[in-house]
């Protein structure tokens, strides 16, 4: 599992554990406790959505960087191939007149 996946799993596990502990130690009425839980879950959902948005941005950034690096490698390989072809043609030209 990736680092972000581990973080997300930890975040969800922590949120659930916090909710259970809050329920067990709540000296309040059921309605108030449900309201607090609903509020907390809403906050967790918002934080989770923000985290997902950040992860998507990071993913796009990594994809862009990988594409740029890949394009650079392809261009470098193409330049080297063209250079080798020119060198081979030059060698062939120097060999042919002497034959």
C-alpha atoms as a PDB file:
ATOM      1  CA  UNK A   1       0.000   0.000   0.000  1.00  0.00           C
ATOM      2  CA  UNK A   2       1.323   3.458  -0.816  1.00  0.00           C
ATOM      3  CA  UNK A   3       2.308   6.049   1.737  1.00  0.00           C
ATOM      4  CA  UNK A   4      -0.783   8.125   1.012  1.00  0.00           C
ATOM      5  CA  UNK A   5      -2.952   4.998   1.267  1.00  0.00           C
ATOM      6  CA  UNK A   6      -1.459   4.219   4.675  1.00  0.00           C
ATOM      7  CA  UNK A   7      -2.060   7.795   5.790  1.00  0.00           C
ATOM      8  CA  UNK A   8      -5.665   7.664   4.593  1.00  0.00           C
ATOM      9  CA  UNK A   9      -6.271   4.345   6.373  1.00  0.00           C
ATOM     10  CA  UNK A  10      -4.751   5.788   9.565  1.00  0.00           C
ATOM     11  CA  UNK A  11      -6.886   8.901   9.282  1.00  0.00           C
ATOM     12  CA  UNK A  12     -10.097   6.900   8.902  1.00  0.00           C
ATOM     13  CA  UNK A  13      -9.144   4.489  11.702  1.00  0.00           C
ATOM     14  CA  UNK A  14      -8.324   7.389  14.022  1.00  0.00           C
ATOM     15  CA  UNK A  15     -11.601   9.108  13.225  1.00  0.00           C
ATOM     16  CA  UNK A  16     -13.584   5.965  13.975  1.00  0.00           C
ATOM     17  CA  UNK A  17     -11.692   5.316  17.206  1.00  0.00           C
ATOM     18  CA  UNK A  18     -12.260   8.898  18.321  1.00  0.00           C
ATOM     19  CA  UNK A  19     -15.955   8.579  17.601  1.00  0.00           C
ATOM     20  CA  UNK A  20     -16.264   5.343  19.582  1.00  0.00           C
ATOM     21  CA  UNK A  21     -14.383   6.823  22.546  1.00  0.00           C
ATOM     22  CA  UNK A  22     -16.582   9.911  22.427  1.00  0.00           C
ATOM     23  CA  UNK A  23     -19.678   7.708  22.535  1.00  0.00           C
ATOM     24  CA  UNK A  24     -18.403   5.672  25.475  1.00  0.00           C
ATOM     25  CA  UNK A  25     -17.464   8.663  27.620  1.00  0.00           C
ATOM     26  CA  UNK A  26     -20.216  11.041  26.588  1.00  0.00           C
ATOM     27  CA  UNK A  27     -22.083  12.347  29.668  1.00  0.00           C
ATOM     28  CA  UNK A  28     -24.655  13.922  27.361  1.00  0.00           C
ATOM     29  CA  UNK A  29     -28.029  12.952  25.925  1.00  0.00           C
ATOM     30  CA  UNK A  30     -28.268  10.724  22.869  1.00  0.00           C
ATOM     31  CA  UNK A  31     -29.516  13.568  20.682  1.00  0.00           C
ATOM     32  CA  UNK A  32     -26.613  15.822  21.627  1.00  0.00           C
ATOM     33  CA  UNK A  33     -24.125  12.987  21.185  1.00  0.00           C
ATOM     34  CA  UNK A  34     -25.541  12.169  17.750  1.00  0.00           C
ATOM     35  CA  UNK A  35     -25.332  15.844  16.828  1.00  0.00           C
ATOM     36  CA  UNK A  36     -21.681  16.026  17.874  1.00  0.00           C
ATOM     37  CA  UNK A  37     -20.893  12.819  16.012  1.00  0.00           C
ATOM     38  CA  UNK A  38     -22.651  14.124  12.934  1.00  0.00           C
ATOM     39  CA  UNK A  39     -20.670  17.365  13.177  1.00  0.00           C
ATOM     40  CA  UNK A  40     -17.373  15.512  13.607  1.00  0.00           C
ATOM     41  CA  UNK A  41     -18.120  13.140  10.739  1.00  0.00           C
ATOM     42  CA  UNK A  42     -18.937  16.134   8.570  1.00  0.00           C
ATOM     43  CA  UNK A  43     -15.576  17.680   9.482  1.00  0.00           C
ATOM     44  CA  UNK A  44     -13.782  14.400   8.796  1.00  0.00           C
ATOM     45  CA  UNK A  45     -15.533  14.136   5.450  1.00  0.00           C
ATOM     46  CA  UNK A  46     -14.434  17.666   4.554  1.00  0.00           C
ATOM     47  CA  UNK A  47     -10.852  16.922   5.592  1.00  0.00           C
ATOM     48  CA  UNK A  48     -10.936  13.683   3.634  1.00  0.00           C
ATOM     49  CA  UNK A  49     -12.209  15.487   0.539  1.00  0.00           C
ATOM     50  CA  UNK A  50      -9.401  18.042   0.894  1.00  0.00           C
ATOM     51  CA  UNK A  51      -6.867  15.241   1.250  1.00  0.00           C
ATOM     52  CA  UNK A  52      -8.227  13.498  -1.825  1.00  0.00           C
ATOM     53  CA  UNK A  53      -8.016  16.755  -3.787  1.00  0.00           C
ATOM     54  CA  UNK A  54      -4.393  17.216  -2.662  1.00  0.00           C
ATOM     55  CA  UNK A  55      -3.553  13.645  -3.641  1.00  0.00           C
ATOM     56  CA  UNK A  56      -5.103  14.165  -7.074  1.00  0.00           C
ATOM     57  CA  UNK A  57      -3.047  17.339  -7.567  1.00  0.00           C
ATOM     58  CA  UNK A  58       0.101  15.507  -6.489  1.00  0.00           C
ATOM     59  CA  UNK A  59      -0.730  12.650  -8.831  1.00  0.00           C
ATOM     60  CA  UNK A  60      -1.131  15.054 -11.760  1.00  0.00           C
ATOM     61  CA  UNK A  61       2.122  16.772 -10.826  1.00  0.00           C
ATOM     62  CA  UNK A  62       3.975  13.451 -10.733  1.00  0.00           C
ATOM     63  CA  UNK A  63       2.444  12.401 -14.047  1.00  0.00           C
ATOM     64  CA  UNK A  64       3.510  15.691 -15.631  1.00  0.00           C
ATOM     65  CA  UNK A  65       7.035  15.377 -14.261  1.00  0.00           C
ATOM     66  CA  UNK A  66       7.297  11.780 -15.463  1.00  0.00           C
ATOM     67  CA  UNK A  67       6.031  12.768 -18.911  1.00  0.00           C
ATOM     68  CA  UNK A  68       8.544  15.613 -19.136  1.00  0.00           C
ATOM     69  CA  UNK A  69      11.390  13.316 -18.108  1.00  0.00           C
ATOM     70  CA  UNK A  70      10.222  10.664 -20.556  1.00  0.00           C
ATOM     71  CA  UNK A  71      10.044  13.212 -23.364  1.00  0.00           C
ATOM     72  CA  UNK A  72      13.560  14.411 -22.516  1.00  0.00           C
ATOM     73  CA  UNK A  73      14.882  10.840 -22.615  1.00  0.00           C
ATOM     74  CA  UNK A  74      13.205  10.222 -25.967  1.00  0.00           C
ATOM     75  CA  UNK A  75      14.659  13.429 -27.434  1.00  0.00           C
ATOM     76  CA  UNK A  76      18.126  12.584 -26.128  1.00  0.00           C
ATOM     77  CA  UNK A  77      17.914   9.065 -27.562  1.00  0.00           C
ATOM     78  CA  UNK A  78      16.716  10.455 -30.892  1.00  0.00           C
ATOM     79  CA  UNK A  79      19.619  12.929 -31.000  1.00  0.00           C
ATOM     80  CA  UNK A  80      22.115  10.176 -30.186  1.00  0.00           C
ATOM     81  CA  UNK A  81      20.599   7.888 -32.828  1.00  0.00           C
ATOM     82  CA  UNK A  82      20.780  10.633 -35.457  1.00  0.00           C
ATOM     83  CA  UNK A  83      24.392  11.328 -34.482  1.00  0.00           C
ATOM     84  CA  UNK A  84      25.270   7.646 -34.804  1.00  0.00           C
ATOM     85  CA  UNK A  85      23.543   7.471 -38.185  1.00  0.00           C
ATOM     86  CA  UNK A  86      25.528  10.503 -39.425  1.00  0.00           C
ATOM     87  CA  UNK A  87      28.730   8.939 -38.118  1.00  0.00           C
ATOM     88  CA  UNK A  88      27.942   5.611 -39.792  1.00  0.00           C
ATOM     89  CA  UNK A  89      27.130   7.363 -43.077  1.00  0.00           C
ATOM     90  CA  UNK A  90      30.410   9.275 -42.850  1.00  0.00           C
ATOM     91  CA  UNK A  91      32.322   6.048 -42.279  1.00  0.00           C
ATOM     92  CA  UNK A  92      30.540   4.400 -45.216  1.00  0.00           C
ATOM     93  CA  UNK A  93      31.410   7.352 -47.454  1.00  0.00           C
ATOM     94  CA  UNK A  94      35.041   7.173 -46.430  1.00  0.00           C
ATOM     95  CA  UNK A  95      35.162   3.438 -47.098  1.00  0.00           C
ATOM     96  CA  UNK A  96      33.375   3.441 -50.512  1.00  0.00           C
ATOM     97  CA  UNK A  97      35.745   5.666 -52.519  1.00  0.00           C
ATOM     98  CA  UNK A  98      38.722   3.506 -51.601  1.00  0.00           C
ATOM     99  CA  UNK A  99      37.070   0.281 -52.787  1.00  0.00           C
END
